[in-house]
Amino acid sequence: MSSGERSGRTATRSRSALIAELSEAARDMAGWTLMLHQAIAARFGLGPTDMKCLDLARDEHDLTAGRIAEITGLSTSAVTSAVDRLEKRGFVTRERDPDDRRKVLIRPTGAHDAEAAEIFDKIGTRFAAVVGDYSDADLELINGFVRRVNAGSREVIPEVTGRGAAPGR
């Protein structure tokens, strides 16, 4: 089944119409994703930026506020405020680096992992149902598209913020 058949539409639309429709759908997806993450963060007494700081830094071993700022493109003062809120709600602790006492490491506590997992399991079930309709070739194409869009977003952040190099990841 082609993606056109899946959506119930034929491939007779112009390329510009398809691109405009994709742009509108991506905009809606970004908006709904933001609202979903706002709802999740609010459940824990946080804002979506607080939660996403941790999420985007999930693969970092020795996480610092400065590294979160590099990854996200946020100012260090915004990151410090986010870490303060995360610490207050029990998501992280701050620890002095035993090798460099000037450095403060941010460590996840795992205190809310079970509740968060329950929420994200629901999302994962819905996600699996959607991607289950696509072939492996479709998924390769979609993965490439999403990676390129994410890379573009990282490149635009410094232009929007005026703060230099693109966030890492």
C-alpha atoms as a PDB file:
ATOM      1  CA  MET A   1       0.000   0.000   0.000  1.00  0.00           C
ATOM      2  CA  SER A   2       1.435   3.375  -0.967  1.00  0.00           C
ATOM      3  CA  SER A   3       1.409   6.329   1.379  1.00  0.00           C
ATOM      4  CA  GLY A   4      -1.092   7.994  -0.958  1.00  0.00           C
ATOM      5  CA  GLU A   5      -3.424   5.046  -0.575  1.00  0.00           C
ATOM      6  CA  ARG A   6      -2.968   5.102   3.205  1.00  0.00           C
ATOM      7  CA  SER A   7      -4.051   8.715   3.382  1.00  0.00           C
ATOM      8  CA  GLY A   8      -6.939   8.153   0.982  1.00  0.00           C
ATOM      9  CA  ARG A   9      -5.557  10.694  -1.498  1.00  0.00           C
ATOM     10  CA  THR A  10      -4.247  10.335  -4.989  1.00  0.00           C
ATOM     11  CA  ALA A  11      -0.908  11.623  -6.216  1.00  0.00           C
ATOM     12  CA  THR A  12      -2.496  14.208  -8.535  1.00  0.00           C
ATOM     13  CA  ARG A  13      -1.693  17.230  -6.392  1.00  0.00           C
ATOM     14  CA  SER A  14       1.181  19.489  -7.360  1.00  0.00           C
ATOM     15  CA  ARG A  15       4.514  19.322  -5.594  1.00  0.00           C
ATOM     16  CA  SER A  16       3.973  22.792  -4.136  1.00  0.00           C
ATOM     17  CA  ALA A  17       0.580  21.703  -2.743  1.00  0.00           C
ATOM     18  CA  LEU A  18       2.165  18.586  -1.212  1.00  0.00           C
ATOM     19  CA  ILE A  19       4.957  20.639   0.353  1.00  0.00           C
ATOM     20  CA  ALA A  20       2.457  23.164   1.722  1.00  0.00           C
ATOM     21  CA  GLU A  21       0.350  20.351   3.191  1.00  0.00           C
ATOM     22  CA  LEU A  22       3.428  18.717   4.733  1.00  0.00           C
ATOM     23  CA  SER A  23       4.543  22.045   6.180  1.00  0.00           C
ATOM     24  CA  GLU A  24       1.110  22.583   7.733  1.00  0.00           C
ATOM     25  CA  ALA A  25       1.029  19.030   9.105  1.00  0.00           C
ATOM     26  CA  ALA A  26       4.537  19.431  10.578  1.00  0.00           C
ATOM     27  CA  ARG A  27       3.484  22.704  12.179  1.00  0.00           C
ATOM     28  CA  ASP A  28       0.446  20.994  13.705  1.00  0.00           C
ATOM     29  CA  MET A  29       2.619  18.086  14.885  1.00  0.00           C
ATOM     30  CA  ALA A  30       5.037  20.501  16.564  1.00  0.00           C
ATOM     31  CA  GLY A  31       2.149  22.292  18.255  1.00  0.00           C
ATOM     32  CA  TRP A  32       0.458  19.105  19.468  1.00  0.00           C
ATOM     33  CA  THR A  33       3.791  17.707  20.638  1.00  0.00           C
ATOM     34  CA  LEU A  34       4.421  20.877  22.617  1.00  0.00           C
ATOM     35  CA  MET A  35       0.943  20.689  24.170  1.00  0.00           C
ATOM     36  CA  LEU A  36       1.465  17.022  25.055  1.00  0.00           C
ATOM     37  CA  HIS A  37       4.780  17.772  26.737  1.00  0.00           C
ATOM     38  CA  GLN A  38       3.224  20.755  28.520  1.00  0.00           C
ATOM     39  CA  ALA A  39       0.547  18.420  29.923  1.00  0.00           C
ATOM     40  CA  ILE A  40       3.162  15.869  31.010  1.00  0.00           C
ATOM     41  CA  ALA A  41       5.389  18.508  32.617  1.00  0.00           C
ATOM     42  CA  ALA A  42       2.422  20.117  34.390  1.00  0.00           C
ATOM     43  CA  ARG A  43       1.563  16.745  35.911  1.00  0.00           C
ATOM     44  CA  PHE A  44       4.960  16.893  37.643  1.00  0.00           C
ATOM     45  CA  GLY A  45       4.707  20.586  38.547  1.00  0.00           C
ATOM     46  CA  LEU A  46       7.198  21.647  35.887  1.00  0.00           C
ATOM     47  CA  GLY A  47       7.291  23.412  32.545  1.00  0.00           C
ATOM     48  CA  PRO A  48       8.039  21.650  29.263  1.00  0.00           C
ATOM     49  CA  THR A  49      11.470  23.265  28.968  1.00  0.00           C
ATOM     50  CA  ASP A  50      12.459  21.778  32.325  1.00  0.00           C
ATOM     51  CA  MET A  51      11.556  18.266  31.221  1.00  0.00           C
ATOM     52  CA  LYS A  52      13.097  18.664  27.762  1.00  0.00           C
ATOM     53  CA  CYS A  53      16.411  19.841  29.249  1.00  0.00           C
ATOM     54  CA  LEU A  54      16.707  16.440  30.894  1.00  0.00           C
ATOM     55  CA  ASP A  55      15.408  14.591  27.861  1.00  0.00           C
ATOM     56  CA  LEU A  56      17.823  16.192  25.396  1.00  0.00           C
ATOM     57  CA  ALA A  57      20.733  15.565  27.776  1.00  0.00           C
ATOM     58  CA  ARG A  58      19.733  11.947  28.489  1.00  0.00           C
ATOM     59  CA  ASP A  59      22.921  10.439  27.011  1.00  0.00           C
ATOM     60  CA  GLU A  60      25.309  12.684  28.952  1.00  0.00           C
ATOM     61  CA  HIS A  61      27.289  11.015  31.747  1.00  0.00           C
ATOM     62  CA  ASP A  62      28.801  13.998  33.544  1.00  0.00           C
ATOM     63  CA  LEU A  63      26.023  16.505  33.018  1.00  0.00           C
ATOM     64  CA  THR A  64      26.521  20.135  34.000  1.00  0.00           C
ATOM     65  CA  ALA A  65      24.335  23.208  33.591  1.00  0.00           C
ATOM     66  CA  GLY A  66      26.816  24.485  31.006  1.00  0.00           C
ATOM     67  CA  ARG A  67      26.471  21.302  28.970  1.00  0.00           C
ATOM     68  CA  ILE A  68      22.674  21.539  29.082  1.00  0.00           C
ATOM     69  CA  ALA A  69      23.004  25.104  27.774  1.00  0.00           C
ATOM     70  CA  GLU A  70      25.232  23.850  24.934  1.00  0.00           C
ATOM     71  CA  ILE A  71      22.823  21.044  24.016  1.00  0.00           C
ATOM     72  CA  THR A  72      19.638  23.113  24.157  1.00  0.00           C
ATOM     73  CA  GLY A  73      20.803  26.549  23.078  1.00  0.00           C
ATOM     74  CA  LEU A  74      19.279  28.045  26.237  1.00  0.00           C
ATOM     75  CA  SER A  75      21.115  30.674  28.238  1.00  0.00           C
ATOM     76  CA  THR A  76      22.983  29.462  31.309  1.00  0.00           C
ATOM     77  CA  SER A  77      20.646  31.493  33.529  1.00  0.00           C
ATOM     78  CA  ALA A  78      17.603  29.800  31.962  1.00  0.00           C
ATOM     79  CA  VAL A  79      19.231  26.408  32.501  1.00  0.00           C
ATOM     80  CA  THR A  80      20.064  27.238  36.119  1.00  0.00           C
ATOM     81  CA  SER A  81      16.406  28.116  36.711  1.00  0.00           C
ATOM     82  CA  ALA A  82      15.263  24.889  35.031  1.00  0.00           C
ATOM     83  CA  VAL A  83      17.685  22.826  37.129  1.00  0.00           C
ATOM     84  CA  ASP A  84      16.457  24.624  40.263  1.00  0.00           C
ATOM     85  CA  ARG A  85      12.886  23.587  39.432  1.00  0.00           C
ATOM     86  CA  LEU A  86      13.927  20.022  38.572  1.00  0.00           C
ATOM     87  CA  GLU A  87      15.804  19.750  41.856  1.00  0.00           C
ATOM     88  CA  LYS A  88      12.878  21.169  43.832  1.00  0.00           C
ATOM     89  CA  ARG A  89      10.524  18.564  42.301  1.00  0.00           C
ATOM     90  CA  GLY A  90      12.973  15.723  43.024  1.00  0.00           C
ATOM     91  CA  PHE A  91      14.071  14.943  39.467  1.00  0.00           C
ATOM     92  CA  VAL A  92      17.750  15.775  39.951  1.00  0.00           C
ATOM     93  CA  THR A  93      20.362  16.443  42.568  1.00  0.00           C
ATOM     94  CA  ARG A  94      23.464  18.577  42.319  1.00  0.00           C
ATOM     95  CA  GLU A  95      26.776  17.015  43.330  1.00  0.00           C
ATOM     96  CA  ARG A  96      30.288  18.391  43.379  1.00  0.00           C
ATOM     97  CA  ASP A  97      32.550  16.620  40.904  1.00  0.00           C
ATOM     98  CA  PRO A  98      35.061  14.688  43.040  1.00  0.00           C
ATOM     99  CA  ASP A  99      37.770  15.338  40.437  1.00  0.00           C
ATOM    100  CA  ASP A 100      37.078  19.065  40.039  1.00  0.00           C
ATOM    101  CA  ARG A 101      35.360  20.683  43.029  1.00  0.00           C
ATOM    102  CA  ARG A 102      34.516  23.761  40.919  1.00  0.00           C
ATOM    103  CA  LYS A 103      32.252  21.655  38.709  1.00  0.00           C
ATOM    104  CA  VAL A 104      28.695  20.782  39.757  1.00  0.00           C
ATOM    105  CA  LEU A 105      27.224  17.635  38.240  1.00  0.00           C
ATOM    106  CA  ILE A 106      23.511  17.220  37.713  1.00  0.00           C
ATOM    107  CA  ARG A 107      22.346  13.697  38.490  1.00  0.00           C
ATOM    108  CA  PRO A 108      18.878  12.270  37.776  1.00  0.00           C
ATOM    109  CA  THR A 109      17.306  10.770  40.895  1.00  0.00           C
ATOM    110  CA  GLY A 110      14.941   8.339  39.174  1.00  0.00           C
ATOM    111  CA  ALA A 111      12.280   9.382  41.690  1.00  0.00           C
ATOM    112  CA  HIS A 112       9.618   9.876  39.025  1.00  0.00           C
ATOM    113  CA  ASP A 113      10.714   7.221  36.539  1.00  0.00           C
ATOM    114  CA  ALA A 114       7.802   4.826  37.170  1.00  0.00           C
ATOM    115  CA  GLU A 115       5.125   7.501  36.779  1.00  0.00           C
ATOM    116  CA  ALA A 116       6.822   8.950  33.691  1.00  0.00           C
ATOM    117  CA  ALA A 117       7.198   5.460  32.201  1.00  0.00           C
ATOM    118  CA  GLU A 118       3.472   4.871  32.606  1.00  0.00           C
ATOM    119  CA  ILE A 119       2.715   8.041  30.642  1.00  0.00           C
ATOM    120  CA  PHE A 120       5.287   7.366  27.934  1.00  0.00           C
ATOM    121  CA  ASP A 121       4.134   3.745  27.583  1.00  0.00           C
ATOM    122  CA  LYS A 122       0.721   5.096  26.519  1.00  0.00           C
ATOM    123  CA  ILE A 123       2.381   7.348  23.975  1.00  0.00           C
ATOM    124  CA  GLY A 124       4.598   4.474  22.800  1.00  0.00           C
ATOM    125  CA  THR A 125       1.578   2.238  22.219  1.00  0.00           C
ATOM    126  CA  ARG A 126      -0.042   4.861  20.004  1.00  0.00           C
ATOM    127  CA  PHE A 127       3.246   5.494  18.211  1.00  0.00           C
ATOM    128  CA  ALA A 128       3.691   1.769  17.535  1.00  0.00           C
ATOM    129  CA  ALA A 129       0.200   1.594  16.058  1.00  0.00           C
ATOM    130  CA  VAL A 130       0.994   4.426  13.657  1.00  0.00           C
ATOM    131  CA  VAL A 131       4.420   3.197  12.524  1.00  0.00           C
ATOM    132  CA  GLY A 132       3.137  -0.378  12.228  1.00  0.00           C
ATOM    133  CA  ASP A 133       1.340   0.639   9.034  1.00  0.00           C
ATOM    134  CA  TYR A 134       4.574   1.602   7.275  1.00  0.00           C
ATOM    135  CA  SER A 135       7.069  -0.571   5.426  1.00  0.00           C
ATOM    136  CA  ASP A 136      10.738  -0.690   6.424  1.00  0.00           C
ATOM    137  CA  ALA A 137      11.550   1.441   3.376  1.00  0.00           C
ATOM    138  CA  ASP A 138       8.927   3.997   4.449  1.00  0.00           C
ATOM    139  CA  LEU A 139      10.436   4.076   7.947  1.00  0.00           C
ATOM    140  CA  GLU A 140      13.958   4.620   6.546  1.00  0.00           C
ATOM    141  CA  LEU A 141      12.626   7.578   4.564  1.00  0.00           C
ATOM    142  CA  ILE A 142      10.727   9.011   7.531  1.00  0.00           C
ATOM    143  CA  ASN A 143      13.755   8.548   9.844  1.00  0.00           C
ATOM    144  CA  GLY A 144      15.962  10.423   7.383  1.00  0.00           C
ATOM    145  CA  PHE A 145      13.416  13.215   7.077  1.00  0.00           C
ATOM    146  CA  VAL A 146      13.031  13.622  10.843  1.00  0.00           C
ATOM    147  CA  ARG A 147      16.803  13.607  11.409  1.00  0.00           C
ATOM    148  CA  ARG A 148      17.276  16.302   8.763  1.00  0.00           C
ATOM    149  CA  VAL A 149      14.471  18.455  10.196  1.00  0.00           C
ATOM    150  CA  ASN A 150      15.963  18.088  13.691  1.00  0.00           C
ATOM    151  CA  ALA A 151      19.404  19.070  12.379  1.00  0.00           C
ATOM    152  CA  GLY A 152      17.863  22.107  10.697  1.00  0.00           C
ATOM    153  CA  SER A 153      16.200  23.115  13.967  1.00  0.00           C
ATOM    154  CA  ARG A 154      19.537  22.877  15.791  1.00  0.00           C
ATOM    155  CA  GLU A 155      21.135  25.076  13.128  1.00  0.00           C
ATOM    156  CA  VAL A 156      18.428  27.746  13.352  1.00  0.00           C
ATOM    157  CA  ILE A 157      18.465  28.062  17.165  1.00  0.00           C
ATOM    158  CA  PRO A 158      21.699  30.127  17.268  1.00  0.00           C
ATOM    159  CA  GLU A 159      20.339  32.399  14.528  1.00  0.00           C
ATOM    160  CA  VAL A 160      17.158  32.992  16.519  1.00  0.00           C
ATOM    161  CA  THR A 161      18.884  33.408  19.892  1.00  0.00           C
ATOM    162  CA  GLY A 162      21.976  35.212  18.606  1.00  0.00           C
ATOM    163  CA  ARG A 163      24.136  32.998  20.845  1.00  0.00           C
ATOM    164  CA  GLY A 164      26.716  31.462  18.528  1.00  0.00           C
ATOM    165  CA  ALA A 165      27.231  27.818  17.714  1.00  0.00           C
ATOM    166  CA  ALA A 166      24.461  25.295  17.206  1.00  0.00           C
ATOM    167  CA  PRO A 167      23.454  23.104  20.141  1.00  0.00           C
ATOM    168  CA  GLY A 168      25.157  19.723  20.181  1.00  0.00           C
ATOM    169  CA  ARG A 169      23.771  16.204  19.670  1.00  0.00           C
END
